[in-house]
Protein backbone atom coordinates (compact mmCIF):
# COMPACT_ATOMS: atom_id res chain seq x y z
CA UNK A 1 -56.32 -67.61 260.42
CA UNK A 2 -58.26 -65.11 262.54
CA UNK A 3 -55.52 -65.09 265.17
CA UNK A 4 -52.93 -64.35 262.49
CA UNK A 5 -54.96 -61.46 261.10
CA UNK A 6 -55.50 -60.07 264.60
CA UNK A 7 -51.80 -60.23 265.36
CA UNK A 8 -50.89 -58.62 262.05
CA UNK A 9 -53.36 -55.83 262.75
CA UNK A 10 -51.96 -55.22 266.23
CA UNK A 11 -48.31 -55.36 265.19
CA UNK A 12 -48.09 -51.72 264.00
CA UNK A 13 -49.52 -50.25 267.18
CA UNK A 14 -48.48 -52.74 269.87
CA UNK A 15 -45.45 -54.77 268.71
CA UNK A 16 -44.36 -55.86 272.21
CA UNK A 17 -47.85 -56.96 273.20
CA UNK A 18 -48.24 -58.72 269.85
CA UNK A 19 -45.07 -60.75 270.44
CA UNK A 20 -46.31 -61.62 273.93
CA UNK A 21 -49.69 -62.73 272.55
CA UNK A 22 -48.11 -64.74 269.72
CA UNK A 23 -45.92 -66.53 272.25
CA UNK A 24 -49.01 -67.34 274.31
CA UNK A 25 -50.78 -68.72 271.26
CA UNK A 26 -47.83 -70.94 270.35
CA UNK A 27 -47.47 -72.21 273.92
CA UNK A 28 -51.22 -72.83 274.13
CA UNK A 29 -51.18 -74.81 270.88
CA UNK A 30 -48.18 -76.86 272.05
CA UNK A 31 -49.87 -77.63 275.37
CA UNK A 32 -53.10 -78.60 273.60
CA UNK A 33 -51.24 -80.95 271.25
CA UNK A 34 -49.37 -82.49 274.18
CA UNK A 35 -52.64 -83.01 276.05
CA UNK A 36 -54.39 -84.50 273.01
CA UNK A 37 -51.49 -86.90 272.50
CA UNK A 38 -51.65 -88.09 276.09
CA UNK A 39 -55.43 -88.45 276.10
CA UNK A 40 -56.04 -90.04 272.71
CA UNK A 41 -52.78 -91.75 271.82
CA UNK A 42 -51.78 -93.09 275.22
CA UNK A 43 -52.09 -96.72 276.28
CA UNK A 44 -55.61 -98.17 276.36
CA UNK A 45 -57.13 -98.48 279.79
CA UNK A 46 -57.87 -102.20 280.40
CA UNK A 47 -61.35 -101.50 281.78
CA UNK A 48 -62.41 -100.14 278.35
CA UNK A 49 -61.22 -103.11 276.27
CA UNK A 50 -64.63 -104.82 276.40
CA UNK A 51 -66.56 -101.83 275.03
CA UNK A 52 -68.08 -102.51 271.60
CA UNK A 53 -67.41 -100.34 268.59
CA UNK A 54 -70.03 -98.02 267.11
CA UNK A 55 -73.28 -99.76 266.20
CA UNK A 56 -75.93 -99.12 263.55
CA UNK A 57 -78.16 -96.96 265.77
CA UNK A 58 -75.27 -94.63 266.53
CA UNK A 59 -74.32 -94.42 262.85
CA UNK A 60 -77.97 -93.67 262.04
CA UNK A 61 -77.90 -90.64 264.35
CA UNK A 62 -74.42 -89.41 263.45
CA UNK A 63 -74.58 -89.50 259.64
CA UNK A 64 -77.31 -86.83 259.31
CA UNK A 65 -75.40 -84.59 261.71
CA UNK A 66 -72.19 -85.06 259.74
CA UNK A 67 -73.97 -84.28 256.47
CA UNK A 68 -75.53 -81.17 258.00
CA UNK A 69 -72.15 -79.94 259.27
CA UNK A 70 -70.50 -80.49 255.90
CA UNK A 71 -73.32 -78.88 253.90
CA UNK A 72 -73.54 -75.84 256.19
CA UNK A 73 -69.76 -75.58 256.19
CA UNK A 74 -69.72 -75.15 252.41
CA UNK A 75 -73.07 -73.38 252.00
CA UNK A 76 -74.14 -71.50 255.16
CA UNK A 77 -76.46 -69.08 253.34
CA UNK A 78 -79.79 -70.72 254.31
CA UNK A 79 -79.03 -70.31 258.02
CA UNK A 80 -77.52 -66.86 257.59
CA UNK A 81 -80.56 -65.72 255.61
CA UNK A 82 -82.84 -66.85 258.46
CA UNK A 83 -80.75 -64.87 260.94
CA UNK A 84 -80.47 -61.75 258.81
CA UNK A 85 -83.88 -60.25 259.68
CA UNK A 86 -83.42 -60.53 263.44
CA UNK A 87 -79.82 -59.31 263.26
CA UNK A 88 -80.82 -56.28 261.19
CA UNK A 89 -83.58 -55.50 263.69
CA UNK A 90 -81.07 -55.72 266.56
CA UNK A 91 -78.72 -53.34 264.74
CA UNK A 92 -81.59 -50.91 264.16
CA UNK A 93 -82.53 -50.98 267.86
CA UNK A 94 -78.93 -50.34 268.89
CA UNK A 95 -78.62 -47.42 266.47
CA UNK A 96 -81.91 -45.93 267.64
CA UNK A 97 -80.88 -46.00 271.30
CA UNK A 98 -77.67 -44.18 270.44
CA UNK A 99 -75.41 -46.74 272.05
CA UNK A 100 -71.82 -46.23 270.99
CA UNK A 101 -70.04 -49.39 269.95
CA UNK A 102 -66.59 -47.82 270.34
């Protein structure tokens, strides 16, 4: 979505460059899908056939991480609130030094 909004914003000023960038994005996505297909959906290497599936210890460590990712994906405010004070201080320091962000 962010790439689309960036391309839409650049279209009015740089239409040729925007077409070039959009083509690069499409080719990059196609190459990534092709690579993922070859890596994950290709034939199984015989030396990995004896590896066991996920066990209880691995599930025990992955479930809390998955829950944390899902919760923070829907409700990121606790983490953003912790970061707000330091981010505001950084913005104040930048403004006080007179650094131009343009």
